[in-house]
Amino acid sequence: MEPRLLFLILFCLIIGLLHVIAFWRRKAGETAYAAARNTRREYEREYYCRMAVMAGHKEACRMYCIMHSDFFEDQHPLKPYKFKGMNVTFFGHYYPSRFGELLDIEQRRFCEELYSFKDGKNDGQNFFRLCMEAIKTGKKTYHVMFMPCSSHEKYVCRFRQLDKYITSYYPNLTSGFGDIDLYGYRESLHKAKGNENRKLSRNYRITGNISGKEVIIIDDVLTTGQSLNDYRREIESCGGKVTAALFYGKTVEMPHPFIVKIVVWSSHIGRLFTD
């Protein structure tokens, strides 16, 4: 048999073998991912999810990231950090609705609480109290301002109860609930497409006298920080000084699947050497 023909046959056999391996690897990933989705036991969910990630399943990579948000996120709940000179903290990790099927019971419960806060059905007292304790403001006087919403109706519905709570139980805080005038309607920033290129359309003006006041901003969800920074600039152009910002939730950022695979494979290999 001629060497060229032998080489061609071997080459075809190798390609065919790689295709077979890829097929069964993909099937193994799908099976492990389905098992992770269907089990109610946390340790089994963790095990099958890791197997699916090592098999290259992309959705399993997202599931693993959601299961270990604290590992992949730089910021953590109720742990203040600096952003544009402000102390920022948030109550918990928020997961967009497209990841709803991947969440565990506690994560789903938190997201439902956040949606209730947005709709005015959750007064937000617990969130506010714990975030205030986290940033350690002491007894210094601050002026609380609420992030403008897409409409006046949503603004009142979302923050009215929290405003009453703050004015009733925090004597060192003054309320800026009535400091802004909302007019017209703008699209919700969290629903807008092309988040990385989106521009803020302002539908509010600051009408209250905030000159010389140290301000704490309250909002529901922190994603990119674009709307927070825009509101900070507007407040400071009116003479206020934004000291801190409190959020009910911070949107979890999904790392590239390749990063998740490296983490899982490194952990797996480490276990082989330590066991």
C-alpha atoms as a PDB file:
ATOM      1  CA  MET A   1       0.000   0.000   0.000  1.00  0.00           C
ATOM      2  CA  GLU A   2       1.334   3.410  -0.965  1.00  0.00           C
ATOM      3  CA  PRO A   3       2.332   5.719   1.895  1.00  0.00           C
ATOM      4  CA  ARG A   4       0.003   8.479   0.644  1.00  0.00           C
ATOM      5  CA  LEU A   5      -2.990   6.162   0.615  1.00  0.00           C
ATOM      6  CA  LEU A   6      -2.104   4.834   4.070  1.00  0.00           C
ATOM      7  CA  PHE A   7      -1.788   8.375   5.397  1.00  0.00           C
ATOM      8  CA  LEU A   8      -5.181   9.317   3.898  1.00  0.00           C
ATOM      9  CA  ILE A   9      -6.844   6.288   5.502  1.00  0.00           C
ATOM     10  CA  LEU A  10      -5.317   7.049   8.906  1.00  0.00           C
ATOM     11  CA  PHE A  11      -6.294  10.675   8.587  1.00  0.00           C
ATOM     12  CA  CYS A  12      -9.919   9.769   7.816  1.00  0.00           C
ATOM     13  CA  LEU A  13      -9.988   7.318  10.723  1.00  0.00           C
ATOM     14  CA  ILE A  14      -8.702   9.972  13.128  1.00  0.00           C
ATOM     15  CA  ILE A  15     -11.258  12.531  11.906  1.00  0.00           C
ATOM     16  CA  GLY A  16     -14.039   9.978  12.208  1.00  0.00           C
ATOM     17  CA  LEU A  17     -12.905   9.029  15.720  1.00  0.00           C
ATOM     18  CA  LEU A  18     -12.822  12.704  16.772  1.00  0.00           C
ATOM     19  CA  HIS A  19     -16.373  13.161  15.464  1.00  0.00           C
ATOM     20  CA  VAL A  20     -17.545  10.122  17.424  1.00  0.00           C
ATOM     21  CA  ILE A  21     -15.847  11.408  20.588  1.00  0.00           C
ATOM     22  CA  ALA A  22     -17.365  14.862  20.098  1.00  0.00           C
ATOM     23  CA  PHE A  23     -20.819  13.329  19.571  1.00  0.00           C
ATOM     24  CA  TRP A  24     -20.722  11.248  22.744  1.00  0.00           C
ATOM     25  CA  ARG A  25     -19.136  14.107  24.708  1.00  0.00           C
ATOM     26  CA  ARG A  26     -22.012  16.348  23.663  1.00  0.00           C
ATOM     27  CA  LYS A  27     -24.551  13.657  24.608  1.00  0.00           C
ATOM     28  CA  ALA A  28     -22.863  13.188  27.984  1.00  0.00           C
ATOM     29  CA  GLY A  29     -23.030  16.950  28.590  1.00  0.00           C
ATOM     30  CA  GLU A  30     -26.722  17.075  27.712  1.00  0.00           C
ATOM     31  CA  THR A  31     -27.483  14.118  29.979  1.00  0.00           C
ATOM     32  CA  ALA A  32     -25.524  15.526  32.921  1.00  0.00           C
ATOM     33  CA  TYR A  33     -27.124  18.951  32.465  1.00  0.00           C
ATOM     34  CA  ALA A  34     -30.610  17.419  32.409  1.00  0.00           C
ATOM     35  CA  ALA A  35     -29.778  15.517  35.598  1.00  0.00           C
ATOM     36  CA  ALA A  36     -28.558  18.724  37.248  1.00  0.00           C
ATOM     37  CA  ARG A  37     -31.770  20.518  36.261  1.00  0.00           C
ATOM     38  CA  ASN A  38     -34.059  17.747  37.502  1.00  0.00           C
ATOM     39  CA  THR A  39     -32.528  16.822  40.843  1.00  0.00           C
ATOM     40  CA  ARG A  40     -33.653  18.550  44.044  1.00  0.00           C
ATOM     41  CA  ARG A  41     -30.578  17.584  46.032  1.00  0.00           C
ATOM     42  CA  GLU A  42     -27.970  20.298  46.142  1.00  0.00           C
ATOM     43  CA  TYR A  43     -24.927  17.998  46.191  1.00  0.00           C
ATOM     44  CA  GLU A  44     -26.255  16.077  43.162  1.00  0.00           C
ATOM     45  CA  ARG A  45     -26.995  19.337  41.347  1.00  0.00           C
ATOM     46  CA  GLU A  46     -23.437  20.446  41.986  1.00  0.00           C
ATOM     47  CA  TYR A  47     -21.964  17.108  40.844  1.00  0.00           C
ATOM     48  CA  TYR A  48     -23.956  16.795  37.618  1.00  0.00           C
ATOM     49  CA  CYS A  49     -23.437  20.455  36.767  1.00  0.00           C
ATOM     50  CA  ARG A  50     -19.652  20.041  37.060  1.00  0.00           C
ATOM     51  CA  MET A  51     -19.794  16.949  34.817  1.00  0.00           C
ATOM     52  CA  ALA A  52     -21.793  18.878  32.221  1.00  0.00           C
ATOM     53  CA  VAL A  53     -19.335  21.791  32.315  1.00  0.00           C
ATOM     54  CA  MET A  54     -16.390  19.432  31.771  1.00  0.00           C
ATOM     55  CA  ALA A  55     -18.291  17.988  28.812  1.00  0.00           C
ATOM     56  CA  GLY A  56     -18.489  21.488  27.353  1.00  0.00           C
ATOM     57  CA  HIS A  57     -22.191  22.267  27.876  1.00  0.00           C
ATOM     58  CA  LYS A  58     -22.665  26.069  27.644  1.00  0.00           C
ATOM     59  CA  GLU A  59     -25.868  26.266  29.679  1.00  0.00           C
ATOM     60  CA  ALA A  60     -24.196  24.212  32.397  1.00  0.00           C
ATOM     61  CA  CYS A  61     -21.462  26.863  32.513  1.00  0.00           C
ATOM     62  CA  ARG A  62     -24.129  29.482  33.208  1.00  0.00           C
ATOM     63  CA  MET A  63     -25.725  27.268  35.832  1.00  0.00           C
ATOM     64  CA  TYR A  64     -22.386  26.742  37.568  1.00  0.00           C
ATOM     65  CA  CYS A  65     -21.708  30.473  37.562  1.00  0.00           C
ATOM     66  CA  ILE A  66     -25.129  31.115  39.129  1.00  0.00           C
ATOM     67  CA  MET A  67     -24.499  28.421  41.750  1.00  0.00           C
ATOM     68  CA  HIS A  68     -21.182  30.091  42.663  1.00  0.00           C
ATOM     69  CA  SER A  69     -21.890  33.787  42.134  1.00  0.00           C
ATOM     70  CA  ASP A  70     -19.716  34.778  45.083  1.00  0.00           C
ATOM     71  CA  PHE A  71     -16.700  33.175  43.406  1.00  0.00           C
ATOM     72  CA  PHE A  72     -17.131  34.833  40.006  1.00  0.00           C
ATOM     73  CA  GLU A  73     -18.346  38.240  41.238  1.00  0.00           C
ATOM     74  CA  ASP A  74     -15.921  40.929  42.411  1.00  0.00           C
ATOM     75  CA  GLN A  75     -18.528  42.563  44.675  1.00  0.00           C
ATOM     76  CA  HIS A  76     -20.584  40.783  47.322  1.00  0.00           C
ATOM     77  CA  PRO A  77     -23.860  41.534  49.143  1.00  0.00           C
ATOM     78  CA  LEU A  78     -23.629  44.014  52.031  1.00  0.00           C
ATOM     79  CA  LYS A  79     -19.899  44.506  51.402  1.00  0.00           C
ATOM     80  CA  PRO A  80     -19.426  48.195  50.498  1.00  0.00           C
ATOM     81  CA  TYR A  81     -17.052  49.132  47.680  1.00  0.00           C
ATOM     82  CA  LYS A  82     -16.034  52.333  45.937  1.00  0.00           C
ATOM     83  CA  PHE A  83     -17.583  53.426  42.643  1.00  0.00           C
ATOM     84  CA  LYS A  84     -16.955  56.907  41.230  1.00  0.00           C
ATOM     85  CA  GLY A  85     -16.087  58.118  44.726  1.00  0.00           C
ATOM     86  CA  MET A  86     -19.292  56.710  46.278  1.00  0.00           C
ATOM     87  CA  ASN A  87     -19.715  53.953  48.829  1.00  0.00           C
ATOM     88  CA  VAL A  88     -21.929  51.402  47.084  1.00  0.00           C
ATOM     89  CA  THR A  89     -23.579  48.358  48.585  1.00  0.00           C
ATOM     90  CA  PHE A  90     -26.415  46.031  47.633  1.00  0.00           C
ATOM     91  CA  PHE A  91     -28.697  43.567  49.383  1.00  0.00           C
ATOM     92  CA  GLY A  92     -28.237  40.528  47.139  1.00  0.00           C
ATOM     93  CA  HIS A  93     -27.359  39.165  43.730  1.00  0.00           C
ATOM     94  CA  TYR A  94     -30.011  39.656  41.062  1.00  0.00           C
ATOM     95  CA  TYR A  95     -30.461  37.298  38.121  1.00  0.00           C
ATOM     96  CA  PRO A  96     -32.333  38.427  34.975  1.00  0.00           C
ATOM     97  CA  SER A  97     -35.520  36.525  34.191  1.00  0.00           C
ATOM     98  CA  ARG A  98     -33.867  34.651  31.306  1.00  0.00           C
ATOM     99  CA  PHE A  99     -31.917  32.661  33.917  1.00  0.00           C
ATOM    100  CA  GLY A 100     -35.004  31.887  36.003  1.00  0.00           C
ATOM    101  CA  GLU A 101     -34.980  28.148  35.333  1.00  0.00           C
ATOM    102  CA  LEU A 102     -31.388  27.861  36.565  1.00  0.00           C
ATOM    103  CA  LEU A 103     -31.952  29.421  39.986  1.00  0.00           C
ATOM    104  CA  ASP A 104     -32.245  27.574  43.261  1.00  0.00           C
ATOM    105  CA  ILE A 105     -35.074  28.214  45.716  1.00  0.00           C
ATOM    106  CA  GLU A 106     -33.315  31.002  47.645  1.00  0.00           C
ATOM    107  CA  GLN A 107     -32.180  32.823  44.510  1.00  0.00           C
ATOM    108  CA  ARG A 108     -35.671  32.653  43.036  1.00  0.00           C
ATOM    109  CA  ARG A 109     -37.174  33.907  46.293  1.00  0.00           C
ATOM    110  CA  PHE A 110     -34.812  36.903  46.367  1.00  0.00           C
ATOM    111  CA  CYS A 111     -35.624  37.854  42.770  1.00  0.00           C
ATOM    112  CA  GLU A 112     -39.344  37.652  43.539  1.00  0.00           C
ATOM    113  CA  GLU A 113     -38.814  39.958  46.542  1.00  0.00           C
ATOM    114  CA  LEU A 114     -36.959  42.414  44.330  1.00  0.00           C
ATOM    115  CA  TYR A 115     -39.768  42.370  41.733  1.00  0.00           C
ATOM    116  CA  SER A 116     -42.235  43.001  44.563  1.00  0.00           C
ATOM    117  CA  PHE A 117     -40.151  46.011  45.646  1.00  0.00           C
ATOM    118  CA  LYS A 118     -40.169  47.358  42.086  1.00  0.00           C
ATOM    119  CA  ASP A 119     -43.951  46.972  41.982  1.00  0.00           C
ATOM    120  CA  GLY A 120     -44.473  48.645  45.368  1.00  0.00           C
ATOM    121  CA  LYS A 121     -45.647  45.442  47.091  1.00  0.00           C
ATOM    122  CA  ASN A 122     -42.493  45.118  49.212  1.00  0.00           C
ATOM    123  CA  ASP A 123     -41.733  48.167  51.377  1.00  0.00           C
ATOM    124  CA  GLY A 124     -37.958  47.504  51.293  1.00  0.00           C
ATOM    125  CA  GLN A 125     -37.448  48.196  55.000  1.00  0.00           C
ATOM    126  CA  ASN A 126     -35.207  45.183  55.595  1.00  0.00           C
ATOM    127  CA  PHE A 127     -33.076  45.933  52.539  1.00  0.00           C
ATOM    128  CA  PHE A 128     -32.620  49.565  53.553  1.00  0.00           C
ATOM    129  CA  ARG A 129     -31.854  48.832  57.207  1.00  0.00           C
ATOM    130  CA  LEU A 130     -29.167  46.225  56.431  1.00  0.00           C
ATOM    131  CA  CYS A 131     -27.550  48.342  53.711  1.00  0.00           C
ATOM    132  CA  MET A 132     -27.412  51.342  56.041  1.00  0.00           C
ATOM    133  CA  GLU A 133     -25.743  49.192  58.688  1.00  0.00           C
ATOM    134  CA  ALA A 134     -23.250  47.989  56.073  1.00  0.00           C
ATOM    135  CA  ILE A 135     -22.081  51.465  55.032  1.00  0.00           C
ATOM    136  CA  LYS A 136     -21.798  52.593  58.683  1.00  0.00           C
ATOM    137  CA  THR A 137     -23.112  56.146  58.401  1.00  0.00           C
ATOM    138  CA  GLY A 138     -23.334  56.626  62.148  1.00  0.00           C
ATOM    139  CA  LYS A 139     -25.462  59.550  63.296  1.00  0.00           C
ATOM    140  CA  LYS A 140     -24.308  61.991  60.651  1.00  0.00           C
ATOM    141  CA  THR A 141     -27.086  63.756  58.734  1.00  0.00           C
ATOM    142  CA  TYR A 142     -27.721  62.643  55.168  1.00  0.00           C
ATOM    143  CA  HIS A 143     -30.268  63.489  52.506  1.00  0.00           C
ATOM    144  CA  VAL A 144     -31.872  60.447  50.851  1.00  0.00           C
ATOM    145  CA  MET A 145     -32.790  60.693  47.166  1.00  0.00           C
ATOM    146  CA  PHE A 146     -34.493  58.031  45.105  1.00  0.00           C
ATOM    147  CA  MET A 147     -33.489  57.052  41.578  1.00  0.00           C
ATOM    148  CA  PRO A 148     -35.901  58.440  38.947  1.00  0.00           C
ATOM    149  CA  CYS A 149     -38.049  55.747  37.320  1.00  0.00           C
ATOM    150  CA  SER A 150     -39.451  55.469  33.821  1.00  0.00           C
ATOM    151  CA  SER A 151     -42.595  57.343  34.938  1.00  0.00           C
ATOM    152  CA  HIS A 152     -43.927  59.363  37.863  1.00  0.00           C
ATOM    153  CA  GLU A 153     -46.445  56.632  38.689  1.00  0.00           C
ATOM    154  CA  LYS A 154     -43.728  53.978  39.015  1.00  0.00           C
ATOM    155  CA  TYR A 155     -41.573  56.309  41.097  1.00  0.00           C
ATOM    156  CA  VAL A 156     -44.353  56.899  43.632  1.00  0.00           C
ATOM    157  CA  CYS A 157     -45.396  53.237  43.690  1.00  0.00           C
ATOM    158  CA  ARG A 158     -41.840  51.973  44.210  1.00  0.00           C
ATOM    159  CA  PHE A 159     -40.498  54.377  46.813  1.00  0.00           C
ATOM    160  CA  ARG A 160     -43.495  55.806  48.694  1.00  0.00           C
ATOM    161  CA  GLN A 161     -43.514  53.198  51.489  1.00  0.00           C
ATOM    162  CA  LEU A 162     -39.751  53.327  51.954  1.00  0.00           C
ATOM    163  CA  ASP A 163     -39.877  57.113  52.114  1.00  0.00           C
ATOM    164  CA  LYS A 164     -42.420  56.956  54.972  1.00  0.00           C
ATOM    165  CA  TYR A 165     -40.281  54.411  56.814  1.00  0.00           C
ATOM    166  CA  ILE A 166     -37.140  56.534  56.512  1.00  0.00           C
ATOM    167  CA  THR A 167     -38.806  59.743  57.701  1.00  0.00           C
ATOM    168  CA  SER A 168     -40.443  57.912  60.623  1.00  0.00           C
ATOM    169  CA  TYR A 169     -37.503  55.916  61.975  1.00  0.00           C
ATOM    170  CA  TYR A 170     -34.293  57.705  60.891  1.00  0.00           C
ATOM    171  CA  PRO A 171     -34.092  61.137  62.562  1.00  0.00           C
ATOM    172  CA  ASN A 172     -30.639  61.773  61.064  1.00  0.00           C
ATOM    173  CA  LEU A 173     -31.973  61.361  57.511  1.00  0.00           C
ATOM    174  CA  THR A 174     -33.973  63.837  55.464  1.00  0.00           C
ATOM    175  CA  SER A 175     -36.053  62.723  52.504  1.00  0.00           C
ATOM    176  CA  GLY A 176     -35.651  63.907  48.936  1.00  0.00           C
ATOM    177  CA  PHE A 177     -38.728  62.025  47.739  1.00  0.00           C
ATOM    178  CA  GLY A 178     -40.234  65.248  46.454  1.00  0.00           C
ATOM    179  CA  ASP A 179     -36.994  66.767  45.152  1.00  0.00           C
ATOM    180  CA  ILE A 180     -37.454  65.657  41.574  1.00  0.00           C
ATOM    181  CA  ASP A 181     -40.101  66.354  38.970  1.00  0.00           C
ATOM    182  CA  LEU A 182     -40.714  63.414  36.630  1.00  0.00           C
ATOM    183  CA  TYR A 183     -42.318  64.204  33.302  1.00  0.00           C
ATOM    184  CA  GLY A 184     -43.184  62.058  30.305  1.00  0.00           C
ATOM    185  CA  TYR A 185     -42.090  58.442  29.988  1.00  0.00           C
ATOM    186  CA  ARG A 186     -38.862  56.715  29.056  1.00  0.00           C
ATOM    187  CA  GLU A 187     -38.107  53.079  28.290  1.00  0.00           C
ATOM    188  CA  SER A 188     -36.930  51.039  31.254  1.00  0.00           C
ATOM    189  CA  LEU A 189     -33.137  50.821  31.081  1.00  0.00           C
ATOM    190  CA  HIS A 190     -33.150  47.202  32.231  1.00  0.00           C
ATOM    191  CA  LYS A 191     -35.305  46.199  29.254  1.00  0.00           C
ATOM    192  CA  ALA A 192     -33.515  48.236  26.610  1.00  0.00           C
ATOM    193  CA  LYS A 193     -31.645  46.341  23.921  1.00  0.00           C
ATOM    194  CA  GLY A 194     -27.979  46.956  23.216  1.00  0.00           C
ATOM    195  CA  ASN A 195     -27.094  47.695  26.830  1.00  0.00           C
ATOM    196  CA  GLU A 196     -23.468  48.438  26.038  1.00  0.00           C
ATOM    197  CA  ASN A 197     -24.428  51.252  23.605  1.00  0.00           C
ATOM    198  CA  ARG A 198     -27.591  52.554  25.203  1.00  0.00           C
ATOM    199  CA  LYS A 199     -27.959  56.250  26.060  1.00  0.00           C
ATOM    200  CA  LEU A 200     -29.931  57.664  28.955  1.00  0.00           C
ATOM    201  CA  SER A 201     -32.960  59.723  27.987  1.00  0.00           C
ATOM    202  CA  ARG A 202     -33.661  61.960  30.959  1.00  0.00           C
ATOM    203  CA  ASN A 203     -37.283  62.445  31.996  1.00  0.00           C
ATOM    204  CA  TYR A 204     -36.724  64.313  35.267  1.00  0.00           C
ATOM    205  CA  ARG A 205     -35.426  67.538  36.726  1.00  0.00           C
ATOM    206  CA  ILE A 206     -34.241  68.243  40.258  1.00  0.00           C
ATOM    207  CA  THR A 207     -36.472  70.917  41.770  1.00  0.00           C
ATOM    208  CA  GLY A 208     -35.576  70.673  45.479  1.00  0.00           C
ATOM    209  CA  ASN A 209     -32.860  72.680  47.198  1.00  0.00           C
ATOM    210  CA  ILE A 210     -30.069  70.145  47.792  1.00  0.00           C
ATOM    211  CA  SER A 211     -27.143  72.549  47.883  1.00  0.00           C
ATOM    212  CA  GLY A 212     -24.573  71.537  50.484  1.00  0.00           C
ATOM    213  CA  LYS A 213     -26.332  68.266  51.354  1.00  0.00           C
ATOM    214  CA  GLU A 214     -24.610  64.888  51.528  1.00  0.00           C
ATOM    215  CA  VAL A 215     -26.788  62.504  49.552  1.00  0.00           C
ATOM    216  CA  ILE A 216     -27.510  58.772  49.673  1.00  0.00           C
ATOM    217  CA  ILE A 217     -29.120  57.386  46.501  1.00  0.00           C
ATOM    218  CA  ILE A 218     -31.627  54.520  46.669  1.00  0.00           C
ATOM    219  CA  ASP A 219     -32.463  52.272  43.697  1.00  0.00           C
ATOM    220  CA  ASP A 220     -33.678  48.773  42.900  1.00  0.00           C
ATOM    221  CA  VAL A 221     -31.059  47.219  40.583  1.00  0.00           C
ATOM    222  CA  LEU A 222     -27.430  48.058  39.803  1.00  0.00           C
ATOM    223  CA  THR A 223     -26.209  46.762  36.444  1.00  0.00           C
ATOM    224  CA  THR A 224     -23.563  48.843  34.685  1.00  0.00           C
ATOM    225  CA  GLY A 225     -23.707  51.883  36.989  1.00  0.00           C
ATOM    226  CA  GLN A 226     -24.469  54.163  34.035  1.00  0.00           C
ATOM    227  CA  SER A 227     -27.758  55.523  35.408  1.00  0.00           C
ATOM    228  CA  LEU A 228     -26.221  55.897  38.884  1.00  0.00           C
ATOM    229  CA  ASN A 229     -23.328  57.942  37.549  1.00  0.00           C
ATOM    230  CA  ASP A 230     -25.665  60.102  35.461  1.00  0.00           C
ATOM    231  CA  TYR A 231     -27.861  60.825  38.495  1.00  0.00           C
ATOM    232  CA  ARG A 232     -24.778  61.551  40.631  1.00  0.00           C
ATOM    233  CA  ARG A 233     -23.572  64.147  38.128  1.00  0.00           C
ATOM    234  CA  GLU A 234     -26.993  65.788  38.046  1.00  0.00           C
ATOM    235  CA  ILE A 235     -27.197  65.926  41.854  1.00  0.00           C
ATOM    236  CA  GLU A 236     -23.718  67.390  42.150  1.00  0.00           C
ATOM    237  CA  SER A 237     -24.468  69.977  39.442  1.00  0.00           C
ATOM    238  CA  CYS A 238     -27.236  71.173  41.792  1.00  0.00           C
ATOM    239  CA  GLY A 239     -24.827  71.508  44.719  1.00  0.00           C
ATOM    240  CA  GLY A 240     -25.294  68.157  46.451  1.00  0.00           C
ATOM    241  CA  LYS A 241     -22.574  65.633  47.224  1.00  0.00           C
ATOM    242  CA  VAL A 242     -23.347  61.949  46.680  1.00  0.00           C
ATOM    243  CA  THR A 243     -21.740  59.928  49.456  1.00  0.00           C
ATOM    244  CA  ALA A 244     -23.334  56.503  49.015  1.00  0.00           C
ATOM    245  CA  ALA A 245     -25.742  54.460  46.916  1.00  0.00           C
ATOM    246  CA  LEU A 246     -27.863  51.516  48.111  1.00  0.00           C
ATOM    247  CA  PHE A 247     -29.377  48.904  45.800  1.00  0.00           C
ATOM    248  CA  TYR A 248     -31.773  46.061  46.444  1.00  0.00           C
ATOM    249  CA  GLY A 249     -29.864  43.885  43.977  1.00  0.00           C
ATOM    250  CA  LYS A 250     -26.856  43.839  41.687  1.00  0.00           C
ATOM    251  CA  THR A 251     -27.102  42.057  38.356  1.00  0.00           C
ATOM    252  CA  VAL A 252     -24.756  39.077  38.179  1.00  0.00           C
ATOM    253  CA  GLU A 253     -22.324  39.274  35.264  1.00  0.00           C
ATOM    254  CA  MET A 254     -21.757  35.996  33.440  1.00  0.00           C
ATOM    255  CA  PRO A 255     -18.102  35.230  32.694  1.00  0.00           C
ATOM    256  CA  HIS A 256     -17.085  33.634  29.399  1.00  0.00           C
ATOM    257  CA  PRO A 257     -17.819  29.854  29.417  1.00  0.00           C
ATOM    258  CA  PHE A 258     -14.111  29.215  28.874  1.00  0.00           C
ATOM    259  CA  ILE A 259     -13.335  30.818  32.254  1.00  0.00           C
ATOM    260  CA  VAL A 260     -15.913  28.600  33.982  1.00  0.00           C
ATOM    261  CA  LYS A 261     -14.454  25.485  32.305  1.00  0.00           C
ATOM    262  CA  ILE A 262     -10.950  26.375  33.502  1.00  0.00           C
ATOM    263  CA  VAL A 263     -12.219  26.814  37.075  1.00  0.00           C
ATOM    264  CA  VAL A 264     -14.094  23.501  37.077  1.00  0.00           C
ATOM    265  CA  TRP A 265     -11.313  21.513  35.409  1.00  0.00           C
ATOM    266  CA  SER A 266      -8.692  23.007  37.758  1.00  0.00           C
ATOM    267  CA  SER A 267     -10.809  22.061  40.749  1.00  0.00           C
ATOM    268  CA  HIS A 268     -11.366  18.556  39.385  1.00  0.00           C
ATOM    269  CA  ILE A 269      -7.662  17.950  38.757  1.00  0.00           C
ATOM    270  CA  GLY A 270      -6.820  19.323  42.190  1.00  0.00           C
ATOM    271  CA  ARG A 271      -9.209  16.841  43.776  1.00  0.00           C
ATOM    272  CA  LEU A 272      -7.572  13.939  41.901  1.00  0.00           C
ATOM    273  CA  PHE A 273      -4.203  14.816  43.428  1.00  0.00           C
ATOM    274  CA  THR A 274      -5.504  15.416  46.948  1.00  0.00           C
ATOM    275  CA  ASP A 275      -7.858  12.422  47.252  1.00  0.00           C
END
